[in-house]
Amino acid sequence: MSARPRPLAARTPRAIAAAAIALGACASPPPPPAAPRVAPDRAVAPAAAPSTSILTIVGTSDLHGHMEALPVLGGYVAALRAARGPSAVLLVDAGDMFQGTLESNVNEGAGVVRAYNALAYDAVAIGNHEFDFGPVGPQATARAAGDDPRGALRARAGEAKFPFLAASVEDAATGRAPDWTNVRPSAIVVKDGIRVGLIGVTSEDTPRTTIAANFEGLRVRPLAAAVTEQAAALRAGGASVVVLLAHAGGKCTDLRHPDDASSCERGEEIMRLLGALPRGTVDAVVAGHTHQGMAHHIDGVPVVESFSGGKQFGRIDLTVDRAAAKVVASTLFPPTELHAPATYEGRAIVADEAVARAIAPDVERARAKKEEKLGLHLDTKVTRSFDHESPEGNLFADLMRASHPAADVAIVNGGGLRADLPAGDLTYGQLFEAMPFDNRFAVVRLRGRELRAIAAANLRESKGILSWSGVRVVASCKGRELDVRIERERGRPIGDDDAVVLVTSDFLATGGDGSGIPRSAVTLEEALVRDAFEAQLRGRAGGHLRADEPPTFDRAKPRVKLPADRPVRCGEEAAAPR
């Protein structure tokens, strides 16, 4: 499929989205569909007229630590720079760079920054998961006076040769942008003599989709206000082009027709943001956070989003009228899959050796640990689900409760499940990929009514489902009211005044996913949840596990029984638009 330039005059009118965004998308959406295969060998686009220049934007997002993809990405970027000229290519990222793999987590994302330095990125947006590591070192949250809850993030920004952008994050007490080295709301770079303004914003869900303790003292501004303000300042500073790096995304199922956005979900955050911006505020958007695909003109603005895990990149070509200092046309490309060997822009793709050297220490450091066998054979694949009860969710909840025998109940959030466990001999690397977050245990002492409220709140929402161990959650509609009963394993209901000991993760216990867990009842522990899971699974060495049948997963008697799909609506509410 060829991509054709789209003049501004042909752009569609603005439509303001009305639906609400689904929460917790980055913390944990369902696995995306495979991206459409795009032929890697493209003809070079026609040269711009003498009075115009073509600016090629390469956009990535949601790498989540998959550094193994970066040398091949370097090959594609090199091909574009050779075809267009080094200064005509803008390389940017829309956030969530670090958290997710053992290779990246071993040094809190430092390897990713080294690789991005070698790739010569121009700027990145800060995503919600950039806050996950907390202080520098093994602690995931600040525990003592002097601990910096953003220490790891600040360290990575200080090591980068490109700016970290966060226009929507501000100090909650002063309303000012954070005063961190190499972190700013926006920046101007010069490409082929054109001044290009760059703005970075972070999803308004961020306080609920990272460890809340690490975001304490900060807040997220409304994105439209932050973007409008920064764009005006950049234009006043001489920017002819303004590009938004948004850790806020969308979802479109048809990536073949850039001018037809009918397959795009209008309620997603990037759609609502663009609908709220005055026309001409930004010229292009590189989006992220939802792990989905986009290559569409939305309210007159070209937008790309390229799934997750470093498997694809997005591309927008902007035609810039130098004399008028403005964008006059845009060409969109569907997400391009990374392959080597391959050809792109008529040039052979060769993995970038400098990038490979940058990540080599972390890859080697992680390899031996990833290959360790835990001594347990999985007779079937253990599957996960973001929004439905799953064998993996139940298994992990059971392992959590087994690690705290005094607990009555354990809960795990669907957003924390990031990969299925494959059939065969289980390795540490497979366990890590399934649960890559360095969450600690939290023990919560509460009453039955509070536990019911936690369950009911989750059932009414679209964010990741809670997986339960030790109890069964039975929900029903009584008129317009959602009635939730929580039964112990032998069927006896937990009363409103019954004392309950709950074990969960620090993410949920400190307000992640809007859990509603009362903070005053929480005791945080130092032990990593994943380490405890490893110990529990090693304790079954020599055994076999099949998690897709009772007692772990019982289709005939689910642990969460619902009157309808989540989000559950009762009575007249059920007929109202969602």
Protein backbone atom coordinates (compact mmCIF):
# COMPACT_ATOMS: atom_id res chain seq x y z
CA MET A 1 0.00 0.00 0.00
CA SER A 2 1.37 3.42 -0.88
CA ALA A 3 0.95 6.39 1.41
CA ARG A 4 -0.06 9.66 -0.20
CA PRO A 5 0.42 13.18 1.13
CA ARG A 6 -2.68 14.71 2.63
CA PRO A 7 -3.09 18.47 2.19
CA LEU A 8 -4.39 20.42 5.13
CA ALA A 9 -7.45 21.54 3.20
CA ALA A 10 -8.65 17.95 2.96
CA ARG A 11 -8.59 17.27 6.69
CA THR A 12 -11.72 16.18 8.47
CA PRO A 13 -13.55 18.55 10.85
CA ARG A 14 -13.03 18.28 14.58
CA ALA A 15 -15.33 15.94 16.48
CA ILE A 16 -15.43 16.07 20.26
CA ALA A 17 -15.44 12.65 21.87
CA ALA A 18 -18.14 11.97 24.46
CA ALA A 19 -17.27 8.61 25.98
CA ALA A 20 -15.04 8.27 29.04
CA ILE A 21 -11.58 6.72 28.80
CA ALA A 22 -11.07 3.20 30.13
CA LEU A 23 -8.78 3.40 33.15
CA GLY A 24 -5.60 1.46 33.69
CA ALA A 25 -4.83 0.99 30.02
CA CYS A 26 -1.04 1.17 30.34
CA ALA A 27 -0.93 -0.48 33.61
CA SER A 28 -2.36 -3.18 31.76
CA PRO A 29 -4.40 -3.53 28.63
CA PRO A 30 -5.19 -6.84 26.96
CA PRO A 31 -2.64 -8.14 24.45
CA PRO A 32 -2.93 -6.15 21.17
CA PRO A 33 -3.84 -7.70 17.84
CA ALA A 34 -0.97 -8.37 15.50
CA ALA A 35 -0.02 -5.28 13.54
CA PRO A 36 -0.73 -5.44 9.83
CA ARG A 37 2.36 -6.55 7.95
CA VAL A 38 3.84 -3.67 6.00
CA ALA A 39 6.28 -4.33 3.19
CA PRO A 40 9.64 -3.19 4.58
CA ASP A 41 10.99 -2.16 1.17
CA ARG A 42 9.41 1.19 0.30
CA ALA A 43 10.20 3.47 -2.58
CA VAL A 44 11.60 6.81 -1.48
CA ALA A 45 8.80 9.38 -1.40
CA PRO A 46 8.95 12.14 -4.04
CA ALA A 47 11.28 14.97 -3.18
CA ALA A 48 9.71 18.13 -1.84
CA ALA A 49 9.48 21.23 -3.99
CA PRO A 50 12.41 23.67 -3.53
CA SER A 51 10.33 25.94 -1.28
CA THR A 52 9.35 23.05 0.98
CA SER A 53 11.07 20.41 3.13
CA ILE A 54 9.95 16.98 4.25
CA LEU A 55 10.38 16.25 7.95
CA THR A 56 10.21 12.52 8.73
CA ILE A 57 9.04 11.69 12.25
CA VAL A 58 9.89 8.25 13.62
CA GLY A 59 7.84 7.52 16.74
CA THR A 60 8.16 4.72 19.27
CA SER A 61 6.36 4.06 22.54
CA ASP A 62 5.86 1.50 25.29
CA LEU A 63 9.19 -0.27 24.78
CA HIS A 64 8.82 -1.60 28.34
CA GLY A 65 12.46 -2.62 28.49
CA HIS A 66 12.59 -4.78 25.34
CA MET A 67 16.09 -3.65 24.50
CA GLU A 68 16.70 -6.57 22.16
CA ALA A 69 14.63 -4.72 19.54
CA LEU A 70 16.75 -1.57 19.54
CA PRO A 71 19.73 -2.61 17.34
CA VAL A 72 17.30 -3.50 14.53
CA LEU A 73 15.39 -0.25 15.06
CA GLY A 74 18.75 1.44 14.63
CA GLY A 75 19.05 -0.18 11.21
CA TYR A 76 15.74 1.32 10.08
CA VAL A 77 16.61 4.75 11.47
CA ALA A 78 19.97 4.61 9.69
CA ALA A 79 18.22 3.77 6.40
CA LEU A 80 15.89 6.75 6.80
CA ARG A 81 18.71 9.11 7.72
CA ALA A 82 20.69 7.97 4.69
CA ALA A 83 17.67 8.48 2.41
CA ARG A 84 16.48 11.78 3.84
CA GLY A 85 19.59 13.28 5.31
CA PRO A 86 20.54 12.96 8.98
CA SER A 87 18.96 16.26 10.00
CA ALA A 88 15.61 15.58 8.29
CA VAL A 89 14.62 12.72 10.61
CA LEU A 90 13.07 13.36 14.03
CA LEU A 91 13.33 10.37 16.40
CA VAL A 92 11.05 10.52 19.46
CA ASP A 93 9.39 8.27 22.04
CA ALA A 94 6.01 8.60 23.79
CA GLY A 95 6.98 6.97 27.10
CA ASP A 96 7.08 3.78 29.17
CA MET A 97 10.62 3.00 28.14
CA PHE A 98 12.05 1.08 31.08
CA GLN A 99 9.79 -1.18 33.11
CA GLY A 100 9.12 -4.69 31.89
CA THR A 101 12.15 -6.93 31.27
CA LEU A 102 14.91 -8.33 33.41
CA GLU A 103 17.51 -6.78 31.08
CA SER A 104 16.12 -3.31 31.73
CA ASN A 105 15.04 -3.71 35.34
CA VAL A 106 18.43 -4.88 36.62
CA ASN A 107 19.68 -1.30 36.44
CA GLU A 108 16.40 0.60 36.46
CA GLY A 109 16.41 1.48 32.77
CA ALA A 110 20.00 2.70 32.44
CA GLY A 111 20.60 0.33 29.51
CA VAL A 112 17.64 1.77 27.62
CA VAL A 113 19.02 5.29 28.04
CA ARG A 114 22.43 4.17 26.77
CA ALA A 115 20.78 2.63 23.72
CA TYR A 116 18.61 5.72 23.10
CA ASN A 117 21.75 7.86 23.34
CA ALA A 118 23.40 5.66 20.68
CA LEU A 119 20.27 5.94 18.50
CA ALA A 120 20.41 9.75 18.89
CA TYR A 121 16.83 10.24 20.05
CA ASP A 122 15.69 13.85 19.96
CA ALA A 123 13.30 13.68 22.94
CA VAL A 124 11.06 11.35 24.95
CA ALA A 125 7.88 11.78 26.95
CA ILE A 126 7.71 10.51 30.52
CA GLY A 127 5.18 7.66 30.85
CA ASN A 128 3.38 6.45 33.97
CA HIS A 129 5.71 3.47 34.39
CA GLU A 130 8.79 5.72 34.45
CA PHE A 131 7.86 6.31 38.10
CA ASP A 132 7.79 2.61 39.03
CA PHE A 133 11.36 2.16 40.23
CA GLY A 134 11.19 4.78 42.99
CA PRO A 135 14.52 5.59 44.69
CA VAL A 136 17.82 4.58 43.14
CA GLY A 137 18.58 1.03 44.27
CA PRO A 138 16.50 -2.00 45.21
CA GLN A 139 13.75 -0.15 47.10
CA ALA A 140 10.60 0.37 45.01
CA THR A 141 9.31 3.12 47.32
CA ALA A 142 10.83 5.69 49.66
CA ARG A 143 11.03 4.21 53.16
CA ALA A 144 13.20 6.64 55.10
CA ALA A 145 13.91 10.36 55.33
CA GLY A 146 16.11 11.38 52.46
CA ASP A 147 14.86 8.70 50.06
CA ASP A 148 13.90 10.28 46.74
CA PRO A 149 10.71 8.65 45.40
CA ARG A 150 11.71 9.79 41.89
CA GLY A 151 15.41 9.01 42.30
CA ALA A 152 15.68 6.38 39.56
CA LEU A 153 13.74 8.49 37.06
CA ARG A 154 15.85 11.56 37.81
CA ALA A 155 19.02 9.50 37.41
CA ARG A 156 17.94 8.23 33.98
CA ALA A 157 17.04 11.74 32.82
CA GLY A 158 20.43 12.97 33.96
CA GLU A 159 22.20 10.31 31.89
CA ALA A 160 20.30 11.09 28.69
CA LYS A 161 21.64 13.20 25.82
CA PHE A 162 18.06 14.14 24.94
CA PRO A 163 15.38 15.88 27.03
CA PHE A 164 12.66 14.12 29.02
CA LEU A 165 9.38 16.01 28.48
CA ALA A 166 6.51 16.21 30.98
CA ALA A 167 4.30 19.25 30.39
CA SER A 168 1.36 17.77 32.28
CA VAL A 169 3.22 16.86 35.48
CA GLU A 170 3.56 19.54 38.13
CA ASP A 171 4.31 20.00 41.81
CA ALA A 172 1.02 19.62 43.69
CA ALA A 173 1.91 22.34 46.21
CA THR A 174 3.32 25.01 43.88
CA GLY A 175 1.80 24.18 40.50
CA ARG A 176 5.23 24.49 38.92
CA ALA A 177 6.99 22.05 36.64
CA PRO A 178 9.35 19.67 38.50
CA ASP A 179 12.84 21.11 38.86
CA TRP A 180 14.74 18.02 37.70
CA THR A 181 17.87 17.93 35.60
CA ASN A 182 17.06 17.48 31.90
CA VAL A 183 13.29 17.27 32.52
CA ARG A 184 11.18 20.05 31.06
CA PRO A 185 7.69 20.63 29.65
CA SER A 186 8.83 21.20 26.06
CA ALA A 187 11.85 21.75 23.86
CA ILE A 188 12.84 23.09 20.44
CA VAL A 189 15.15 21.17 18.11
CA VAL A 190 16.35 22.24 14.67
CA LYS A 191 15.83 19.78 11.81
CA ASP A 192 17.01 20.63 8.32
CA GLY A 193 16.94 24.29 9.33
CA ILE A 194 13.37 24.04 10.64
CA ARG A 195 12.62 24.85 14.26
CA VAL A 196 10.53 21.97 15.63
CA GLY A 197 8.76 22.31 18.96
CA LEU A 198 8.26 19.16 21.04
CA ILE A 199 5.77 18.76 23.90
CA GLY A 200 5.51 15.73 26.18
CA VAL A 201 2.46 14.85 28.26
CA THR A 202 1.63 11.99 30.59
CA SER A 203 -1.80 10.37 30.90
CA GLU A 204 -4.18 11.80 33.45
CA ASP A 205 -4.42 8.23 34.81
CA THR A 206 -0.79 8.28 35.94
CA PRO A 207 -1.43 8.69 39.69
CA ARG A 208 -3.48 5.47 39.56
CA THR A 209 -1.31 3.48 37.14
CA THR A 210 2.06 3.66 38.87
CA ILE A 211 3.02 3.04 42.49
CA ALA A 212 1.11 5.90 44.08
CA ALA A 213 3.77 6.49 46.75
CA ASN A 214 6.29 7.36 44.00
CA PHE A 215 3.96 10.01 42.56
CA GLU A 216 3.15 11.58 45.90
CA GLY A 217 3.54 15.36 45.87
CA LEU A 218 2.87 15.58 42.13
CA ARG A 219 -0.29 15.94 40.09
CA VAL A 220 -1.29 15.74 36.43
CA ARG A 221 -2.71 18.85 34.79
CA PRO A 222 -5.57 18.54 32.28
CA LEU A 223 -3.72 17.61 29.11
CA ALA A 224 -5.47 20.04 26.78
CA ALA A 225 -4.52 23.02 28.94
CA ALA A 226 -0.90 21.90 29.20
CA VAL A 227 -0.56 21.30 25.45
CA THR A 228 -2.26 24.57 24.47
CA GLU A 229 -0.01 26.57 26.79
CA GLN A 230 3.22 24.94 25.64
CA ALA A 231 2.33 25.07 21.95
CA ALA A 232 1.70 28.82 22.17
CA ALA A 233 5.07 29.31 23.86
CA LEU A 234 6.85 27.21 21.24
CA ARG A 235 5.25 29.10 18.34
CA ALA A 236 6.22 32.37 20.02
CA GLY A 237 9.75 31.00 20.26
CA GLY A 238 9.92 30.49 16.52
CA ALA A 239 8.75 26.89 16.07
CA SER A 240 7.36 26.26 12.59
CA VAL A 241 6.25 22.74 13.55
CA VAL A 242 4.86 21.47 16.87
CA VAL A 243 4.91 17.73 17.58
CA LEU A 244 3.16 16.23 20.61
CA LEU A 245 4.61 13.18 22.36
CA ALA A 246 1.63 11.89 24.29
CA HIS A 247 1.71 9.04 26.77
CA ALA A 248 -2.02 8.92 26.12
CA GLY A 249 -3.30 6.73 23.36
CA GLY A 250 -6.15 5.34 21.38
CA LYS A 251 -7.24 2.24 19.52
CA CYS A 252 -8.06 1.80 15.84
CA THR A 253 -8.69 -1.55 14.18
CA ASP A 254 -8.24 -0.51 10.54
CA LEU A 255 -4.74 0.83 9.92
CA ARG A 256 -4.95 0.79 6.12
CA HIS A 257 -6.99 3.95 5.59
CA PRO A 258 -5.49 6.99 7.35
CA ASP A 259 -8.35 9.30 6.37
CA ASP A 260 -11.06 6.98 7.73
CA ALA A 261 -11.13 7.06 11.53
CA SER A 262 -14.41 5.18 11.82
CA SER A 263 -12.59 2.17 13.32
CA CYS A 264 -11.09 4.32 16.08
CA GLU A 265 -12.66 4.35 19.53
CA ARG A 266 -13.67 7.96 20.12
CA GLY A 267 -13.67 7.70 23.90
CA GLU A 268 -9.93 7.03 24.19
CA GLU A 269 -7.76 9.69 25.82
CA ILE A 270 -5.86 10.89 22.74
CA MET A 271 -9.13 11.31 20.85
CA ARG A 272 -10.64 13.40 23.62
CA LEU A 273 -7.47 15.45 23.88
CA LEU A 274 -7.36 16.29 20.17
CA GLY A 275 -11.06 17.12 20.21
CA ALA A 276 -10.41 19.66 22.95
CA LEU A 277 -7.46 21.41 21.29
CA PRO A 278 -7.97 24.54 19.16
CA ARG A 279 -7.30 23.80 15.49
CA GLY A 280 -3.65 24.23 14.58
CA THR A 281 -2.32 23.72 18.11
CA VAL A 282 -0.16 20.76 17.10
CA ASP A 283 0.94 19.45 13.70
CA ALA A 284 1.51 15.77 14.56
CA VAL A 285 1.18 13.34 17.46
CA VAL A 286 3.20 10.31 18.52
CA ALA A 287 0.93 8.51 21.02
CA GLY A 288 1.35 5.65 23.47
CA HIS A 289 0.07 4.10 26.72
CA THR A 290 -2.72 1.89 25.33
CA HIS A 291 -0.44 -0.61 23.51
CA GLN A 292 -2.61 -0.29 20.40
CA GLY A 293 -2.13 0.85 16.80
CA MET A 294 -2.97 4.15 15.12
CA ALA A 295 -2.02 5.76 11.81
CA HIS A 296 -4.87 8.20 11.28
CA HIS A 297 -5.77 11.82 10.80
CA ILE A 298 -7.78 12.69 13.92
CA ASP A 299 -9.50 16.06 13.92
CA GLY A 300 -7.09 17.15 11.20
CA VAL A 301 -3.93 15.96 12.98
CA PRO A 302 -1.80 12.96 11.89
CA VAL A 303 -1.42 10.49 14.78
CA VAL A 304 0.68 7.33 15.06
CA GLU A 305 0.83 4.74 17.82
CA SER A 306 2.83 1.52 17.43
CA PHE A 307 1.66 -1.12 19.89
CA SER A 308 4.32 -2.11 22.46
CA GLY A 309 7.47 -4.10 23.14
CA GLY A 310 9.61 -2.52 20.41
CA LYS A 311 8.20 -4.64 17.59
CA GLN A 312 7.04 -1.72 15.42
CA PHE A 313 7.62 1.97 14.89
CA GLY A 314 5.36 4.72 13.57
CA ARG A 315 6.15 7.22 10.86
CA ILE A 316 4.75 10.56 9.73
CA ASP A 317 6.19 12.65 6.89
CA LEU A 318 5.36 16.34 7.20
CA THR A 319 5.75 18.70 4.26
CA VAL A 320 6.82 22.08 5.61
CA ASP A 321 6.54 25.33 3.64
CA ARG A 322 9.71 27.14 4.61
CA ALA A 323 8.57 30.58 3.52
CA ALA A 324 5.25 30.35 5.34
CA ALA A 325 6.84 28.47 8.28
CA LYS A 326 4.02 25.96 8.48
CA VAL A 327 3.04 22.37 7.68
CA VAL A 328 1.12 22.11 4.41
CA ALA A 329 0.69 18.32 4.05
CA SER A 330 1.24 15.06 5.89
CA THR A 331 1.77 11.43 4.93
CA LEU A 332 0.98 8.61 7.38
CA PHE A 333 2.46 5.11 7.39
CA PRO A 334 0.96 2.14 9.26
CA PRO A 335 3.18 0.76 12.05
CA THR A 336 6.25 -0.81 10.45
CA GLU A 337 7.35 -4.17 11.80
CA LEU A 338 11.05 -4.57 12.59
CA HIS A 339 12.85 -7.31 10.67
CA ALA A 340 16.46 -8.05 9.84
CA PRO A 341 17.53 -8.86 7.24
CA ALA A 342 15.17 -6.64 5.28
CA THR A 343 15.25 -3.54 3.11
CA TYR A 344 13.69 -0.15 3.80
CA GLU A 345 13.86 2.99 1.68
CA GLY A 346 15.84 0.90 -0.79
CA ARG A 347 18.57 0.14 1.75
CA ALA A 348 19.54 -3.06 3.52
CA ILE A 349 18.64 -3.21 7.22
CA VAL A 350 21.64 -4.07 9.36
CA ALA A 351 21.48 -4.14 13.15
CA ASP A 352 23.25 -1.13 14.65
CA GLU A 353 26.47 -2.31 16.29
CA ALA A 354 26.79 0.75 18.53
CA VAL A 355 23.33 0.12 19.96
CA ALA A 356 24.12 -3.59 20.41
CA ARG A 357 27.25 -2.67 22.38
CA ALA A 358 25.24 -0.27 24.54
CA ILE A 359 22.84 -2.98 25.69
CA ALA A 360 25.31 -5.91 25.81
CA PRO A 361 26.22 -5.62 29.54
CA ASP A 362 22.57 -5.76 30.60
CA VAL A 363 21.70 -8.57 28.20
CA GLU A 364 24.59 -10.68 29.47
CA ARG A 365 23.81 -9.90 33.09
CA ALA A 366 20.24 -11.09 32.68
CA ARG A 367 20.78 -14.16 30.47
CA ALA A 368 21.87 -16.68 33.10
CA LYS A 369 19.10 -15.71 35.51
CA LYS A 370 16.44 -15.90 32.81
CA GLU A 371 17.46 -19.42 31.84
CA GLU A 372 17.26 -20.82 35.38
CA LYS A 373 14.70 -23.60 35.61
CA LEU A 374 12.39 -23.55 38.60
CA GLY A 375 11.96 -27.33 38.62
CA LEU A 376 8.25 -27.27 37.80
CA HIS A 377 6.67 -28.56 34.60
CA LEU A 378 3.57 -26.81 33.26
CA ASP A 379 1.37 -29.34 31.50
CA THR A 380 -0.51 -26.58 29.67
CA LYS A 381 -0.03 -22.91 28.94
CA VAL A 382 -1.21 -20.76 31.86
CA THR A 383 -3.16 -17.94 30.26
CA ARG A 384 -3.84 -14.45 31.54
CA SER A 385 -6.62 -11.92 30.99
CA PHE A 386 -6.81 -8.22 31.70
CA ASP A 387 -10.53 -8.00 32.31
CA HIS A 388 -11.78 -11.56 32.98
CA GLU A 389 -10.96 -14.20 35.57
CA SER A 390 -8.00 -16.24 34.30
CA PRO A 391 -5.91 -19.26 35.27
CA GLU A 392 -2.82 -17.10 35.70
CA GLY A 393 -4.58 -14.48 37.80
CA ASN A 394 -5.96 -17.16 40.11
CA LEU A 395 -2.61 -18.96 40.29
CA PHE A 396 -0.77 -15.79 41.27
CA ALA A 397 -3.41 -14.90 43.86
CA ASP A 398 -3.03 -18.40 45.34
CA LEU A 399 0.77 -18.03 45.43
CA MET A 400 0.41 -14.67 47.13
CA ARG A 401 -1.84 -16.10 49.86
CA ALA A 402 0.39 -19.16 50.28
CA SER A 403 3.31 -16.83 50.99
CA HIS A 404 1.30 -15.23 53.83
CA PRO A 405 -0.49 -18.13 55.60
CA ALA A 406 -2.09 -15.80 58.15
CA ALA A 407 -3.96 -13.91 55.41
CA ASP A 408 -7.63 -14.65 54.75
CA VAL A 409 -7.69 -13.17 51.26
CA ALA A 410 -5.27 -12.25 48.47
CA ILE A 411 -5.92 -10.09 45.41
CA VAL A 412 -3.90 -9.50 42.23
CA ASN A 413 -4.72 -6.90 39.57
CA GLY A 414 -5.23 -7.87 35.94
CA GLY A 415 -2.91 -5.09 34.77
CA GLY A 416 0.00 -6.77 36.54
CA LEU A 417 -0.23 -9.88 34.35
CA ARG A 418 1.95 -9.21 31.31
CA ALA A 419 2.55 -12.58 29.62
CA ASP A 420 1.18 -16.12 29.64
CA LEU A 421 3.29 -18.86 31.20
CA PRO A 422 4.11 -21.29 28.36
CA ALA A 423 3.75 -25.05 28.66
CA GLY A 424 6.92 -26.93 29.53
CA ASP A 425 9.65 -26.57 32.12
CA LEU A 426 9.11 -23.21 33.80
CA THR A 427 12.04 -20.77 33.83
CA TYR A 428 12.67 -17.67 35.90
CA GLY A 429 12.63 -15.58 32.73
CA GLN A 430 9.11 -16.75 31.91
CA LEU A 431 7.93 -15.95 35.43
CA PHE A 432 9.55 -12.50 35.16
CA GLU A 433 7.86 -11.74 31.84
CA ALA A 434 4.50 -12.71 33.34
CA MET A 435 5.02 -10.41 36.35
CA PRO A 436 7.75 -7.84 35.55
CA PHE A 437 6.85 -5.25 38.16
CA ASP A 438 9.01 -5.01 41.28
CA ASN A 439 6.02 -4.82 43.60
CA ARG A 440 6.34 -5.45 47.33
CA PHE A 441 3.81 -7.15 49.59
CA ALA A 442 1.26 -5.15 51.53
CA VAL A 443 -0.81 -6.54 54.38
CA VAL A 444 -4.15 -4.84 54.99
CA ARG A 445 -6.37 -5.27 58.04
CA LEU A 446 -9.96 -4.27 57.36
CA ARG A 447 -13.60 -5.18 57.87
CA GLY A 448 -15.87 -7.22 55.67
CA ARG A 449 -17.79 -4.15 54.47
CA GLU A 450 -14.54 -2.58 53.25
CA LEU A 451 -13.61 -5.74 51.36
CA ARG A 452 -17.04 -5.78 49.71
CA ALA A 453 -16.60 -2.14 48.71
CA ILE A 454 -13.25 -2.96 47.07
CA ALA A 455 -14.83 -5.80 45.11
CA ALA A 456 -17.87 -3.75 44.07
CA ALA A 457 -15.74 -0.81 42.88
CA ASN A 458 -13.67 -3.12 40.68
CA LEU A 459 -16.75 -4.74 39.16
CA ARG A 460 -18.19 -1.36 38.21
CA GLU A 461 -15.02 -0.33 36.38
CA SER A 462 -13.27 -1.28 33.13
CA LYS A 463 -9.76 -1.39 34.56
CA GLY A 464 -8.01 -4.70 35.20
CA ILE A 465 -10.07 -7.30 37.02
CA LEU A 466 -9.06 -8.34 40.51
CA SER A 467 -8.14 -12.02 40.88
CA TRP A 468 -9.08 -13.43 44.30
CA SER A 469 -7.79 -16.23 46.50
CA GLY A 470 -9.38 -17.51 49.70
CA VAL A 471 -12.86 -16.25 48.86
CA ARG A 472 -15.51 -16.23 46.15
CA VAL A 473 -17.08 -12.94 45.01
CA VAL A 474 -20.75 -13.31 44.05
CA ALA A 475 -22.40 -10.25 42.51
CA SER A 476 -26.03 -9.72 41.53
CA CYS A 477 -28.35 -6.87 40.67
CA LYS A 478 -31.12 -5.92 43.07
CA GLY A 479 -33.00 -3.37 41.07
CA ARG A 480 -30.54 -0.60 40.30
CA GLU A 481 -28.17 -1.65 43.06
CA LEU A 482 -25.17 -3.95 42.68
CA ASP A 483 -25.18 -6.45 45.54
CA VAL A 484 -21.84 -8.11 46.34
CA ARG A 485 -21.46 -11.05 48.66
CA ILE A 486 -18.05 -12.45 49.60
CA GLU A 487 -17.93 -16.08 50.64
CA ARG A 488 -15.14 -17.97 52.29
CA GLU A 489 -13.92 -21.12 50.56
CA ARG A 490 -16.51 -23.31 52.28
CA GLY A 491 -19.36 -20.99 51.37
CA ARG A 492 -19.78 -19.06 54.64
CA PRO A 493 -20.26 -15.35 53.88
CA ILE A 494 -17.97 -12.73 55.35
CA GLY A 495 -20.04 -10.35 57.48
CA ASP A 496 -19.71 -6.58 57.36
CA ASP A 497 -18.12 -6.45 60.80
CA ASP A 498 -15.85 -9.48 60.36
CA ALA A 499 -12.12 -8.77 60.66
CA VAL A 500 -10.24 -9.70 57.49
CA VAL A 501 -6.52 -9.88 56.73
CA LEU A 502 -5.83 -9.11 53.08
CA VAL A 503 -2.47 -9.55 51.34
CA THR A 504 -1.84 -7.74 48.06
CA SER A 505 0.75 -5.63 46.25
CA ASP A 506 1.98 -2.20 47.24
CA PHE A 507 0.59 -0.96 43.90
CA LEU A 508 -2.99 -1.78 44.88
CA ALA A 509 -2.52 -1.01 48.56
CA THR A 510 -1.34 2.55 47.84
CA GLY A 511 -4.24 3.37 45.51
CA GLY A 512 -3.23 1.87 42.17
CA ASP A 513 -6.13 1.30 39.76
CA GLY A 514 -8.26 3.32 42.19
CA SER A 515 -8.49 0.23 44.39
CA GLY A 516 -10.17 2.00 47.30
CA ILE A 517 -8.04 0.17 49.87
CA PRO A 518 -7.92 2.30 53.04
CA ARG A 519 -4.34 3.55 53.38
CA SER A 520 -4.56 3.72 57.18
CA ALA A 521 -4.92 -0.07 57.34
CA VAL A 522 -1.85 -0.89 55.19
CA THR A 523 1.48 -2.33 56.32
CA LEU A 524 4.11 -2.38 53.56
CA GLU A 525 6.76 -5.08 53.52
CA GLU A 526 10.19 -5.27 51.88
CA ALA A 527 9.80 -8.66 50.21
CA LEU A 528 9.28 -8.70 46.44
CA VAL A 529 6.10 -10.44 45.35
CA ARG A 530 7.87 -12.09 42.42
CA ASP A 531 10.62 -13.48 44.67
CA ALA A 532 7.98 -15.10 46.87
CA PHE A 533 6.30 -16.59 43.81
CA GLU A 534 9.62 -18.01 42.69
CA ALA A 535 10.13 -19.63 46.11
CA GLN A 536 6.63 -21.09 46.10
CA LEU A 537 7.07 -22.56 42.62
CA ARG A 538 10.53 -23.93 43.41
CA GLY A 539 8.91 -25.63 46.40
CA ARG A 540 6.96 -27.75 43.94
CA ALA A 541 10.15 -28.93 42.20
CA GLY A 542 9.74 -32.19 40.37
CA GLY A 543 6.01 -31.71 40.11
CA HIS A 544 3.53 -30.81 37.43
CA LEU A 545 1.01 -28.00 37.26
CA ARG A 546 -2.15 -27.64 35.20
CA ALA A 547 -3.75 -24.33 36.08
CA ASP A 548 -6.67 -24.36 33.66
CA GLU A 549 -8.81 -26.68 35.79
CA PRO A 550 -9.93 -26.93 39.47
CA PRO A 551 -8.87 -25.98 42.03
CA THR A 552 -7.09 -23.07 40.31
CA PHE A 553 -9.64 -22.37 37.60
CA ASP A 554 -13.17 -23.71 37.58
CA ARG A 555 -15.40 -22.61 34.71
CA ALA A 556 -18.46 -24.14 36.40
CA LYS A 557 -17.86 -22.25 39.63
CA PRO A 558 -15.83 -19.09 38.97
CA ARG A 559 -14.22 -17.18 41.81
CA VAL A 560 -15.90 -14.02 40.52
CA LYS A 561 -19.54 -14.58 39.56
CA LEU A 562 -21.10 -11.66 37.69
CA PRO A 563 -24.62 -10.83 36.49
CA ALA A 564 -23.10 -9.31 33.30
CA ASP A 565 -19.75 -8.37 31.81
CA ARG A 566 -17.72 -5.68 33.54
CA PRO A 567 -18.32 -2.83 34.01
CA VAL A 568 -21.46 -4.11 35.69
CA ARG A 569 -24.51 -1.83 35.44
CA CYS A 570 -27.81 -2.59 37.15
CA GLY A 571 -31.38 -1.56 36.46
CA GLU A 572 -31.83 1.63 34.46
CA GLU A 573 -28.08 2.21 34.52
CA ALA A 574 -27.64 -0.89 32.36
CA ALA A 575 -29.46 0.78 29.48
CA ALA A 576 -27.49 4.03 29.73
CA PRO A 577 -24.59 4.62 27.29
CA ARG A 578 -21.24 3.46 28.67
